[in-house]
């Protein structure tokens, strides 16, 4: 009698365990598709900001004006801090990297390494002075100084009533002449979202 009861109990435990399991399905989708799940900042927002800022910055005359005044040499630019002033986690580097790539591919701007990147590069260059052959080592004090710095911030305003919520994002970027502190370009892009949470009735 004990063995059938034990088997029945084991079966009951197994059924309960399986009933609590969930099935997860993963599907690869187009990276350019718009997929909104939570209503928070996502890759689509980052892409919208990048496209808008790239168009605004490259259509402006600052790079052409500099090149015209300097024998056709394109200006050198460094990316400074782009601060996230929202309560959300927004990886601003995603749209900044898109902008950097567009700058380089356009040929209208020379992009220099950031402060963090320069530290690693300088370490490698210093190591080469001791360990690399004279023919292949990178020379010291040959860095290109940036003439312009790109900075900015992301802000958000949120309003909620019941199951309805509106989130407004504003991204501001500025380009400043490092020699004169004059702002040569100001870019802005706004995103407004309406999020409605519906109650699911059985």
N, C-alpha and C. Protein backbone atom coordinates (compact mmCIF):
# COMPACT_ATOMS: atom_id res chain seq x y z
N UNK A 1 0.82 -1.22 0.00
CA UNK A 1 0.00 0.00 0.00
C UNK A 1 0.86 1.27 0.00
N UNK A 2 2.04 1.17 0.63
CA UNK A 2 2.86 2.37 0.73
C UNK A 2 3.41 2.79 -0.63
N UNK A 3 3.76 1.78 -1.44
CA UNK A 3 4.39 2.11 -2.72
C UNK A 3 3.42 2.84 -3.66
N UNK A 4 2.17 2.39 -3.83
CA UNK A 4 1.23 3.14 -4.68
C UNK A 4 0.99 4.55 -4.17
N UNK A 5 0.89 4.70 -2.84
CA UNK A 5 0.67 6.05 -2.28
C UNK A 5 1.87 6.96 -2.56
N UNK A 6 3.06 6.39 -2.44
CA UNK A 6 4.27 7.17 -2.71
C UNK A 6 4.31 7.61 -4.18
N UNK A 7 3.97 6.69 -5.06
CA UNK A 7 3.96 7.00 -6.50
C UNK A 7 2.93 8.07 -6.82
N UNK A 8 1.76 7.99 -6.15
CA UNK A 8 0.71 8.98 -6.38
C UNK A 8 1.15 10.36 -5.90
N UNK A 9 1.82 10.40 -4.75
CA UNK A 9 2.31 11.67 -4.21
C UNK A 9 3.37 12.28 -5.13
N UNK A 10 4.27 11.43 -5.63
CA UNK A 10 5.31 11.91 -6.54
C UNK A 10 4.70 12.47 -7.82
N UNK A 11 3.65 11.80 -8.31
CA UNK A 11 2.97 12.27 -9.51
C UNK A 11 2.32 13.62 -9.28
N UNK A 12 1.71 13.78 -8.10
CA UNK A 12 1.06 15.05 -7.77
C UNK A 12 2.07 16.19 -7.71
N UNK A 13 3.23 15.93 -7.11
CA UNK A 13 4.28 16.95 -7.02
C UNK A 13 4.77 17.33 -8.42
N UNK A 14 4.94 16.34 -9.27
CA UNK A 14 5.40 16.60 -10.64
C UNK A 14 4.40 17.44 -11.41
N UNK A 15 3.12 17.13 -11.27
CA UNK A 15 2.08 17.90 -11.96
C UNK A 15 2.07 19.34 -11.49
N UNK A 16 2.20 19.55 -10.18
CA UNK A 16 2.22 20.91 -9.64
C UNK A 16 3.43 21.68 -10.14
N UNK A 17 4.58 21.01 -10.19
CA UNK A 17 5.80 21.67 -10.64
C UNK A 17 5.69 22.07 -12.11
N UNK A 18 5.15 21.17 -12.92
CA UNK A 18 5.01 21.47 -14.34
C UNK A 18 4.00 22.57 -14.60
N UNK A 19 2.96 22.62 -13.78
CA UNK A 19 1.93 23.64 -13.98
C UNK A 19 2.47 25.03 -13.69
N UNK A 20 3.52 25.12 -12.87
CA UNK A 20 4.09 26.43 -12.56
C UNK A 20 5.14 26.88 -13.55
N UNK A 21 5.52 26.02 -14.49
CA UNK A 21 6.53 26.36 -15.48
C UNK A 21 5.91 27.20 -16.59
N UNK A 22 6.72 28.06 -17.17
CA UNK A 22 6.27 28.86 -18.31
C UNK A 22 7.14 28.54 -19.51
N UNK A 23 6.59 28.74 -20.68
CA UNK A 23 7.31 28.49 -21.92
C UNK A 23 7.78 29.82 -22.48
N UNK A 24 9.08 29.93 -22.75
CA UNK A 24 9.64 31.17 -23.29
C UNK A 24 9.94 30.98 -24.77
N UNK A 25 9.51 31.96 -25.55
CA UNK A 25 9.74 31.91 -26.99
C UNK A 25 10.58 33.11 -27.40
N UNK A 26 11.65 32.89 -28.10
CA UNK A 26 12.54 33.95 -28.57
C UNK A 26 12.51 33.98 -30.08
N UNK A 27 12.33 35.18 -30.62
CA UNK A 27 12.24 35.35 -32.07
C UNK A 27 13.12 36.50 -32.51
N UNK A 28 13.91 36.30 -33.53
CA UNK A 28 14.72 37.37 -34.10
C UNK A 28 13.85 38.24 -35.00
N UNK A 29 13.93 39.56 -34.78
CA UNK A 29 13.12 40.48 -35.58
C UNK A 29 14.03 41.54 -36.20
N UNK A 30 13.48 42.30 -37.11
CA UNK A 30 14.22 43.34 -37.80
C UNK A 30 14.68 44.41 -36.80
N UNK A 31 15.99 44.70 -36.72
CA UNK A 31 16.46 45.71 -35.77
C UNK A 31 15.86 47.09 -36.02
N UNK A 32 15.39 47.35 -37.24
CA UNK A 32 14.80 48.65 -37.56
C UNK A 32 13.30 48.72 -37.28
N UNK A 33 12.71 47.61 -36.84
CA UNK A 33 11.28 47.62 -36.54
C UNK A 33 11.02 48.35 -35.23
N UNK A 34 9.83 48.89 -35.10
CA UNK A 34 9.43 49.59 -33.88
C UNK A 34 8.67 48.62 -32.99
N UNK A 35 9.22 48.34 -31.82
CA UNK A 35 8.61 47.42 -30.88
C UNK A 35 8.48 48.11 -29.53
N UNK A 36 7.28 48.50 -29.18
CA UNK A 36 7.02 49.18 -27.90
C UNK A 36 6.36 48.20 -26.95
N UNK A 37 7.00 47.94 -25.83
CA UNK A 37 6.44 47.05 -24.82
C UNK A 37 6.01 47.81 -23.57
N UNK A 38 6.93 48.58 -23.01
CA UNK A 38 6.65 49.26 -21.74
C UNK A 38 6.29 50.72 -21.91
N UNK A 39 6.64 51.30 -23.05
CA UNK A 39 6.44 52.73 -23.23
C UNK A 39 7.65 53.55 -22.83
N UNK A 40 8.65 52.89 -22.23
CA UNK A 40 9.86 53.61 -21.85
C UNK A 40 10.75 53.83 -23.08
N UNK A 41 11.82 54.60 -22.87
CA UNK A 41 12.79 54.86 -23.94
C UNK A 41 13.32 53.55 -24.49
N UNK A 42 13.37 53.42 -25.81
CA UNK A 42 13.86 52.18 -26.40
C UNK A 42 14.70 52.46 -27.63
N UNK A 43 15.03 51.41 -28.36
CA UNK A 43 15.92 51.55 -29.52
C UNK A 43 15.31 52.41 -30.62
N UNK A 44 13.99 52.38 -30.74
CA UNK A 44 13.34 53.21 -31.76
C UNK A 44 13.53 54.69 -31.46
N UNK A 45 13.42 55.06 -30.19
CA UNK A 45 13.64 56.46 -29.80
C UNK A 45 15.08 56.87 -30.07
N UNK A 46 16.01 55.99 -29.73
CA UNK A 46 17.42 56.27 -29.97
C UNK A 46 17.69 56.48 -31.46
N UNK A 47 17.07 55.65 -32.28
CA UNK A 47 17.25 55.76 -33.72
C UNK A 47 16.66 57.06 -34.26
N UNK A 48 15.50 57.45 -33.76
CA UNK A 48 14.88 58.71 -34.18
C UNK A 48 15.77 59.90 -33.84
N UNK A 49 16.32 59.89 -32.63
CA UNK A 49 17.19 60.99 -32.21
C UNK A 49 18.45 61.03 -33.07
N UNK A 50 19.06 59.88 -33.28
CA UNK A 50 20.29 59.83 -34.08
C UNK A 50 20.05 60.37 -35.48
N UNK A 51 18.98 59.90 -36.14
CA UNK A 51 18.70 60.34 -37.51
C UNK A 51 18.45 61.84 -37.57
N UNK A 52 17.70 62.36 -36.60
CA UNK A 52 17.38 63.79 -36.59
C UNK A 52 18.63 64.63 -36.35
N UNK A 53 19.44 64.23 -35.38
CA UNK A 53 20.63 65.01 -35.03
C UNK A 53 21.69 64.93 -36.13
N UNK A 54 21.82 63.78 -36.75
CA UNK A 54 22.78 63.65 -37.85
C UNK A 54 22.41 64.60 -38.99
N UNK A 55 21.13 64.60 -39.34
CA UNK A 55 20.67 65.48 -40.42
C UNK A 55 20.87 66.94 -40.06
N UNK A 56 20.49 67.31 -38.84
CA UNK A 56 20.61 68.71 -38.42
C UNK A 56 22.07 69.17 -38.41
N UNK A 57 22.95 68.33 -37.86
CA UNK A 57 24.35 68.75 -37.70
C UNK A 57 25.08 68.82 -39.03
N UNK A 58 24.83 67.86 -39.92
CA UNK A 58 25.55 67.85 -41.20
C UNK A 58 24.96 68.84 -42.20
N UNK A 59 23.69 69.21 -42.03
CA UNK A 59 23.09 70.21 -42.91
C UNK A 59 23.47 71.63 -42.50
N UNK A 60 23.90 71.79 -41.26
CA UNK A 60 24.34 73.10 -40.80
C UNK A 60 25.65 73.48 -41.49
N UNK A 61 25.98 74.77 -41.48
CA UNK A 61 27.13 75.25 -42.26
C UNK A 61 28.44 75.28 -41.47
N UNK A 62 28.43 74.91 -40.18
CA UNK A 62 29.63 75.09 -39.36
C UNK A 62 30.84 74.35 -39.91
N UNK A 63 30.66 73.10 -40.35
CA UNK A 63 31.79 72.32 -40.86
C UNK A 63 32.28 72.89 -42.19
N UNK A 64 31.36 73.28 -43.06
CA UNK A 64 31.75 73.86 -44.35
C UNK A 64 32.46 75.20 -44.15
N UNK A 65 31.96 76.01 -43.22
CA UNK A 65 32.58 77.31 -42.96
C UNK A 65 34.01 77.14 -42.46
N UNK A 66 34.21 76.17 -41.57
CA UNK A 66 35.56 75.93 -41.04
C UNK A 66 36.49 75.47 -42.15
N UNK A 67 36.03 74.53 -42.96
CA UNK A 67 36.86 74.01 -44.05
C UNK A 67 37.21 75.11 -45.05
N UNK A 68 36.25 75.97 -45.35
CA UNK A 68 36.50 77.06 -46.30
C UNK A 68 37.55 78.04 -45.78
N UNK A 69 37.56 78.24 -44.46
CA UNK A 69 38.51 79.18 -43.85
C UNK A 69 39.87 78.55 -43.57
N UNK A 70 39.98 77.23 -43.76
CA UNK A 70 41.23 76.54 -43.42
C UNK A 70 41.73 75.65 -44.57
N UNK A 71 41.61 76.17 -45.76
CA UNK A 71 42.17 75.48 -46.91
C UNK A 71 41.55 74.14 -47.22
N UNK A 72 40.29 73.95 -46.87
CA UNK A 72 39.60 72.70 -47.15
C UNK A 72 39.77 71.63 -46.09
N UNK A 73 40.51 71.93 -45.03
CA UNK A 73 40.71 70.95 -43.95
C UNK A 73 39.45 70.85 -43.10
N UNK A 74 38.89 69.67 -42.92
CA UNK A 74 37.67 69.54 -42.11
C UNK A 74 37.96 69.75 -40.63
N UNK A 75 36.99 70.22 -39.88
CA UNK A 75 37.20 70.47 -38.45
C UNK A 75 37.34 69.18 -37.66
N UNK A 76 38.07 69.26 -36.54
CA UNK A 76 38.22 68.13 -35.62
C UNK A 76 37.23 68.30 -34.48
N UNK A 77 36.56 67.22 -34.14
CA UNK A 77 35.50 67.26 -33.13
C UNK A 77 35.73 66.19 -32.08
N UNK A 78 35.42 66.51 -30.85
CA UNK A 78 35.46 65.54 -29.76
C UNK A 78 34.10 65.51 -29.09
N UNK A 79 33.66 64.34 -28.68
CA UNK A 79 32.38 64.18 -27.99
C UNK A 79 32.61 64.28 -26.49
N UNK A 80 31.95 65.25 -25.87
CA UNK A 80 32.02 65.40 -24.42
C UNK A 80 30.89 64.63 -23.75
N UNK A 81 30.41 65.15 -22.64
CA UNK A 81 29.36 64.47 -21.88
C UNK A 81 27.98 64.79 -22.44
N UNK A 82 27.18 63.75 -22.57
CA UNK A 82 25.76 63.89 -22.88
C UNK A 82 25.02 63.30 -21.69
N UNK A 83 24.46 64.16 -20.87
CA UNK A 83 23.91 63.75 -19.57
C UNK A 83 22.46 63.30 -19.68
N UNK A 84 22.16 62.22 -18.99
CA UNK A 84 20.79 61.74 -18.88
C UNK A 84 20.18 62.33 -17.61
N UNK A 85 19.29 63.29 -17.77
CA UNK A 85 18.67 63.96 -16.62
C UNK A 85 17.26 63.43 -16.35
N UNK A 86 16.94 62.28 -16.90
CA UNK A 86 15.64 61.66 -16.65
C UNK A 86 15.75 60.67 -15.51
N UNK A 87 14.61 60.10 -15.11
CA UNK A 87 14.59 59.07 -14.07
C UNK A 87 14.75 57.68 -14.68
N UNK A 88 14.81 57.60 -15.99
CA UNK A 88 14.96 56.32 -16.68
C UNK A 88 16.43 56.02 -16.95
N UNK A 89 16.69 54.75 -17.22
CA UNK A 89 18.01 54.36 -17.71
C UNK A 89 18.01 54.55 -19.22
N UNK A 90 18.73 55.55 -19.69
CA UNK A 90 18.82 55.83 -21.12
C UNK A 90 20.28 55.74 -21.54
N UNK A 91 20.64 54.73 -22.30
CA UNK A 91 22.03 54.62 -22.77
C UNK A 91 22.29 55.59 -23.91
N UNK A 92 22.69 56.81 -23.57
CA UNK A 92 22.85 57.85 -24.59
C UNK A 92 23.94 57.50 -25.59
N UNK A 93 24.84 56.61 -25.21
CA UNK A 93 25.93 56.26 -26.12
C UNK A 93 25.43 55.61 -27.41
N UNK A 94 24.21 55.06 -27.39
CA UNK A 94 23.70 54.39 -28.59
C UNK A 94 23.49 55.39 -29.73
N UNK A 95 22.84 56.52 -29.46
CA UNK A 95 22.64 57.48 -30.55
C UNK A 95 23.89 58.33 -30.79
N UNK A 96 24.73 58.48 -29.78
CA UNK A 96 25.98 59.21 -29.98
C UNK A 96 26.91 58.42 -30.90
N UNK A 97 26.97 57.10 -30.73
CA UNK A 97 27.79 56.27 -31.62
C UNK A 97 27.29 56.34 -33.06
N UNK A 98 25.97 56.41 -33.23
CA UNK A 98 25.42 56.56 -34.58
C UNK A 98 25.87 57.89 -35.19
N UNK A 99 25.88 58.94 -34.38
CA UNK A 99 26.32 60.24 -34.86
C UNK A 99 27.81 60.22 -35.21
N UNK A 100 28.60 59.59 -34.37
CA UNK A 100 30.04 59.51 -34.64
C UNK A 100 30.30 58.81 -35.97
N UNK A 101 29.59 57.71 -36.19
CA UNK A 101 29.77 56.98 -37.44
C UNK A 101 29.39 57.84 -38.64
N UNK A 102 28.31 58.59 -38.51
CA UNK A 102 27.88 59.46 -39.61
C UNK A 102 28.90 60.56 -39.86
N UNK A 103 29.47 61.13 -38.81
CA UNK A 103 30.49 62.16 -38.97
C UNK A 103 31.69 61.62 -39.75
N UNK A 104 32.17 60.45 -39.35
CA UNK A 104 33.34 59.86 -40.00
C UNK A 104 33.04 59.52 -41.45
N UNK A 105 31.88 58.91 -41.70
CA UNK A 105 31.54 58.50 -43.06
C UNK A 105 31.30 59.69 -43.99
N UNK A 106 30.86 60.81 -43.43
CA UNK A 106 30.59 61.99 -44.26
C UNK A 106 31.87 62.61 -44.80
N UNK A 107 32.98 62.44 -44.08
CA UNK A 107 34.23 63.06 -44.48
C UNK A 107 34.28 64.55 -44.18
N UNK A 108 33.20 65.10 -43.64
CA UNK A 108 33.14 66.53 -43.36
C UNK A 108 33.72 66.87 -41.99
N UNK A 109 33.93 65.86 -41.16
CA UNK A 109 34.39 66.08 -39.79
C UNK A 109 35.45 65.04 -39.46
N UNK A 110 36.50 65.45 -38.74
CA UNK A 110 37.47 64.51 -38.19
C UNK A 110 37.14 64.30 -36.72
N UNK A 111 36.96 63.07 -36.34
CA UNK A 111 36.55 62.73 -34.97
C UNK A 111 37.76 62.26 -34.18
N UNK A 112 38.03 62.91 -33.05
CA UNK A 112 39.16 62.51 -32.21
C UNK A 112 38.65 61.71 -31.02
N UNK A 113 39.53 60.93 -30.43
CA UNK A 113 39.16 60.04 -29.33
C UNK A 113 38.73 60.83 -28.11
N UNK A 114 37.83 60.23 -27.33
CA UNK A 114 37.34 60.86 -26.11
C UNK A 114 38.42 60.81 -25.03
N UNK A 115 38.16 61.49 -23.91
CA UNK A 115 39.14 61.52 -22.82
C UNK A 115 39.45 60.12 -22.31
N UNK A 116 38.42 59.30 -22.16
CA UNK A 116 38.62 57.93 -21.68
C UNK A 116 39.40 57.09 -22.70
N UNK A 117 39.06 57.25 -23.95
CA UNK A 117 39.76 56.50 -25.00
C UNK A 117 41.22 56.94 -25.12
N UNK A 118 41.46 58.24 -24.96
CA UNK A 118 42.83 58.75 -25.07
C UNK A 118 43.74 58.17 -24.00
N UNK A 119 43.20 57.94 -22.82
CA UNK A 119 44.01 57.38 -21.74
C UNK A 119 44.57 56.02 -22.14
N UNK A 120 43.73 55.19 -22.73
CA UNK A 120 44.19 53.87 -23.17
C UNK A 120 45.17 53.99 -24.33
N UNK A 121 44.89 54.90 -25.26
CA UNK A 121 45.77 55.09 -26.40
C UNK A 121 47.14 55.60 -25.98
N UNK A 122 47.14 56.53 -25.04
CA UNK A 122 48.42 57.06 -24.57
C UNK A 122 49.24 56.01 -23.83
N UNK A 123 48.55 55.13 -23.12
CA UNK A 123 49.24 54.04 -22.45
C UNK A 123 49.93 53.12 -23.45
N UNK A 124 49.22 52.80 -24.53
CA UNK A 124 49.80 51.95 -25.57
C UNK A 124 50.97 52.66 -26.26
N UNK A 125 50.79 53.96 -26.52
CA UNK A 125 51.85 54.71 -27.19
C UNK A 125 53.11 54.79 -26.32
N UNK A 126 52.91 55.00 -25.03
CA UNK A 126 54.05 55.05 -24.11
C UNK A 126 54.76 53.70 -24.05
N UNK A 127 54.00 52.62 -24.08
CA UNK A 127 54.59 51.28 -24.05
C UNK A 127 55.41 51.02 -25.31
N UNK A 128 54.95 51.55 -26.43
CA UNK A 128 55.68 51.34 -27.68
C UNK A 128 57.05 52.00 -27.67
N UNK A 129 57.18 53.10 -26.92
CA UNK A 129 58.47 53.79 -26.89
C UNK A 129 59.57 52.91 -26.33
N UNK A 130 59.19 51.95 -25.50
CA UNK A 130 60.17 51.04 -24.89
C UNK A 130 60.24 49.71 -25.60
N UNK A 131 59.08 49.21 -26.05
CA UNK A 131 59.02 47.83 -26.52
C UNK A 131 58.86 47.64 -28.02
N UNK A 132 58.55 48.68 -28.75
CA UNK A 132 58.38 48.55 -30.20
C UNK A 132 59.62 49.06 -30.93
N UNK A 133 59.82 48.56 -32.13
CA UNK A 133 60.99 49.00 -32.91
C UNK A 133 60.83 50.46 -33.31
N UNK A 134 61.94 51.10 -33.56
CA UNK A 134 61.93 52.52 -33.91
C UNK A 134 61.15 52.78 -35.20
N UNK A 135 61.13 51.78 -36.09
CA UNK A 135 60.45 51.96 -37.38
C UNK A 135 58.93 51.88 -37.25
N UNK A 136 58.44 51.21 -36.21
CA UNK A 136 57.00 50.98 -36.11
C UNK A 136 56.33 51.72 -34.97
N UNK A 137 57.09 52.23 -34.01
CA UNK A 137 56.45 52.87 -32.86
C UNK A 137 55.75 54.17 -33.26
N UNK A 138 54.61 54.43 -32.63
CA UNK A 138 53.89 55.68 -32.84
C UNK A 138 54.61 56.81 -32.12
N UNK A 139 54.75 57.94 -32.79
CA UNK A 139 55.50 59.06 -32.21
C UNK A 139 54.67 59.78 -31.15
N UNK A 140 55.36 60.34 -30.20
CA UNK A 140 54.72 61.08 -29.11
C UNK A 140 54.40 62.50 -29.58
N UNK A 141 53.47 63.12 -28.87
CA UNK A 141 53.10 64.52 -29.08
C UNK A 141 52.68 64.80 -30.53
N UNK A 142 51.93 63.86 -31.11
CA UNK A 142 51.45 64.05 -32.47
C UNK A 142 49.92 64.02 -32.54
N UNK A 143 49.27 64.16 -31.40
CA UNK A 143 47.81 64.10 -31.36
C UNK A 143 47.19 65.31 -32.05
N UNK A 144 46.03 65.08 -32.62
CA UNK A 144 45.26 66.15 -33.24
C UNK A 144 44.34 66.76 -32.20
N UNK A 145 44.49 68.03 -31.97
CA UNK A 145 43.63 68.71 -31.00
C UNK A 145 42.27 69.03 -31.61
N UNK A 146 41.22 68.79 -30.86
CA UNK A 146 39.87 69.09 -31.35
C UNK A 146 39.60 70.58 -31.30
N UNK A 147 38.87 71.07 -32.28
CA UNK A 147 38.47 72.48 -32.29
C UNK A 147 37.06 72.65 -31.73
N UNK A 148 36.25 71.58 -31.81
CA UNK A 148 34.87 71.66 -31.35
C UNK A 148 34.56 70.51 -30.40
N UNK A 149 33.66 70.78 -29.45
CA UNK A 149 33.20 69.74 -28.52
C UNK A 149 31.68 69.63 -28.59
N UNK A 150 31.22 68.38 -28.70
CA UNK A 150 29.78 68.10 -28.72
C UNK A 150 29.34 67.70 -27.32
N UNK A 151 28.35 68.39 -26.79
CA UNK A 151 27.80 68.10 -25.46
C UNK A 151 26.28 68.12 -25.53
N UNK A 152 25.64 67.63 -24.48
CA UNK A 152 24.19 67.66 -24.49
C UNK A 152 23.56 67.04 -23.27
N UNK A 153 22.24 66.92 -23.34
CA UNK A 153 21.48 66.32 -22.24
C UNK A 153 20.14 65.80 -22.76
N UNK A 154 19.61 64.84 -22.01
CA UNK A 154 18.29 64.27 -22.29
C UNK A 154 17.40 64.56 -21.09
N UNK A 155 16.24 65.15 -21.33
CA UNK A 155 15.29 65.46 -20.26
C UNK A 155 13.94 64.82 -20.57
N UNK A 156 13.16 64.63 -19.53
CA UNK A 156 11.84 64.01 -19.70
C UNK A 156 10.83 64.65 -18.77
N UNK A 157 9.60 64.76 -19.25
CA UNK A 157 8.46 65.22 -18.45
C UNK A 157 7.39 64.15 -18.55
N UNK A 158 6.87 63.73 -17.41
CA UNK A 158 5.87 62.66 -17.40
C UNK A 158 4.60 63.13 -16.70
N UNK A 159 3.47 62.77 -17.28
CA UNK A 159 2.16 63.09 -16.70
C UNK A 159 1.31 61.82 -16.73
N UNK A 160 0.66 61.52 -15.62
CA UNK A 160 -0.11 60.28 -15.54
C UNK A 160 -1.41 60.51 -14.79
N UNK A 161 -2.45 59.85 -15.29
CA UNK A 161 -3.76 59.87 -14.65
C UNK A 161 -4.37 58.49 -14.85
N UNK A 162 -4.53 57.77 -13.77
CA UNK A 162 -5.09 56.43 -13.87
C UNK A 162 -4.22 55.52 -14.70
N UNK A 163 -4.82 54.95 -15.73
CA UNK A 163 -4.09 54.02 -16.61
C UNK A 163 -3.53 54.71 -17.85
N UNK A 164 -3.60 56.02 -17.90
CA UNK A 164 -3.08 56.76 -19.04
C UNK A 164 -1.84 57.55 -18.63
N UNK A 165 -0.86 57.57 -19.52
CA UNK A 165 0.39 58.23 -19.20
C UNK A 165 0.95 58.88 -20.47
N UNK A 166 1.50 60.07 -20.30
CA UNK A 166 2.16 60.78 -21.40
C UNK A 166 3.59 61.08 -20.97
N UNK A 167 4.54 60.72 -21.82
CA UNK A 167 5.95 60.98 -21.55
C UNK A 167 6.51 61.83 -22.69
N UNK A 168 7.16 62.92 -22.31
CA UNK A 168 7.75 63.84 -23.28
C UNK A 168 9.27 63.84 -23.08
N UNK A 169 10.00 63.51 -24.13
CA UNK A 169 11.47 63.53 -24.09
C UNK A 169 11.99 64.69 -24.94
N UNK A 170 13.03 65.32 -24.44
CA UNK A 170 13.69 66.37 -25.23
C UNK A 170 15.20 66.14 -25.16
N UNK A 171 15.81 66.04 -26.34
CA UNK A 171 17.25 65.85 -26.44
C UNK A 171 17.86 67.12 -27.03
N UNK A 172 18.79 67.71 -26.30
CA UNK A 172 19.48 68.92 -26.76
C UNK A 172 20.96 68.64 -26.89
N UNK A 173 21.53 68.98 -28.03
CA UNK A 173 22.96 68.85 -28.26
C UNK A 173 23.52 70.20 -28.69
N UNK A 174 24.72 70.50 -28.22
CA UNK A 174 25.38 71.75 -28.59
C UNK A 174 26.80 71.48 -29.05
N UNK A 175 27.24 72.26 -30.01
CA UNK A 175 28.61 72.17 -30.52
C UNK A 175 29.29 73.50 -30.21
N UNK A 176 30.38 73.43 -29.46
CA UNK A 176 31.05 74.63 -28.98
C UNK A 176 32.48 74.71 -29.49
N UNK A 177 32.87 75.90 -29.93
CA UNK A 177 34.25 76.15 -30.36
C UNK A 177 35.13 76.18 -29.11
N UNK A 178 36.08 75.27 -29.01
CA UNK A 178 36.92 75.17 -27.81
C UNK A 178 37.84 76.38 -27.65
N UNK A 179 38.12 77.07 -28.72
CA UNK A 179 39.02 78.22 -28.64
C UNK A 179 38.30 79.47 -28.17
N UNK A 180 37.05 79.64 -28.59
CA UNK A 180 36.33 80.87 -28.29
C UNK A 180 35.14 80.69 -27.35
N UNK A 181 34.77 79.41 -27.07
CA UNK A 181 33.57 79.10 -26.27
C UNK A 181 32.27 79.55 -26.95
N UNK A 182 32.32 79.79 -28.23
CA UNK A 182 31.14 80.18 -28.99
C UNK A 182 30.41 78.92 -29.46
N UNK A 183 29.11 78.89 -29.24
CA UNK A 183 28.31 77.76 -29.72
C UNK A 183 28.05 77.95 -31.22
N UNK A 184 28.49 76.97 -31.98
CA UNK A 184 28.36 77.08 -33.43
C UNK A 184 27.17 76.31 -33.98
N UNK A 185 26.63 75.40 -33.17
CA UNK A 185 25.46 74.63 -33.61
C UNK A 185 24.69 74.15 -32.39
N UNK A 186 23.36 74.22 -32.49
CA UNK A 186 22.48 73.72 -31.43
C UNK A 186 21.43 72.83 -32.09
N UNK A 187 21.37 71.59 -31.65
CA UNK A 187 20.40 70.65 -32.20
C UNK A 187 19.39 70.22 -31.15
N UNK A 188 18.19 69.93 -31.59
CA UNK A 188 17.14 69.53 -30.64
C UNK A 188 16.18 68.55 -31.32
N UNK A 189 15.77 67.54 -30.55
CA UNK A 189 14.76 66.61 -31.04
C UNK A 189 13.82 66.25 -29.89
N UNK A 190 12.51 66.20 -30.21
CA UNK A 190 11.50 65.92 -29.18
C UNK A 190 10.71 64.67 -29.55
N UNK A 191 10.37 63.92 -28.52
CA UNK A 191 9.55 62.71 -28.69
C UNK A 191 8.46 62.74 -27.63
N UNK A 192 7.22 62.50 -28.05
CA UNK A 192 6.10 62.47 -27.11
C UNK A 192 5.37 61.15 -27.27
N UNK A 193 5.14 60.48 -26.15
CA UNK A 193 4.48 59.17 -26.17
C UNK A 193 3.22 59.18 -25.32
N UNK A 194 2.20 58.53 -25.85
CA UNK A 194 0.97 58.30 -25.09
C UNK A 194 0.89 56.81 -24.80
N UNK A 195 0.83 56.46 -23.52
CA UNK A 195 0.80 55.06 -23.10
C UNK A 195 -0.50 54.80 -22.35
N UNK A 196 -1.22 53.79 -22.78
CA UNK A 196 -2.48 53.42 -22.13
C UNK A 196 -2.40 51.96 -21.70
N UNK A 197 -2.62 51.72 -20.42
CA UNK A 197 -2.63 50.36 -19.89
C UNK A 197 -4.06 49.89 -19.77
N UNK A 198 -4.39 48.82 -20.46
CA UNK A 198 -5.76 48.31 -20.44
C UNK A 198 -5.87 47.12 -19.50
N UNK A 199 -6.96 47.08 -18.79
CA UNK A 199 -7.23 45.96 -17.90
C UNK A 199 -7.70 44.75 -18.72
N UNK A 200 -7.08 43.62 -18.45
CA UNK A 200 -7.45 42.39 -19.15
C UNK A 200 -8.51 41.65 -18.34
N UNK A 201 -9.66 41.47 -18.95
CA UNK A 201 -10.74 40.76 -18.26
C UNK A 201 -10.79 39.32 -18.73
N UNK A 202 -10.98 38.39 -17.80
CA UNK A 202 -11.02 36.97 -18.18
C UNK A 202 -12.26 36.65 -19.02
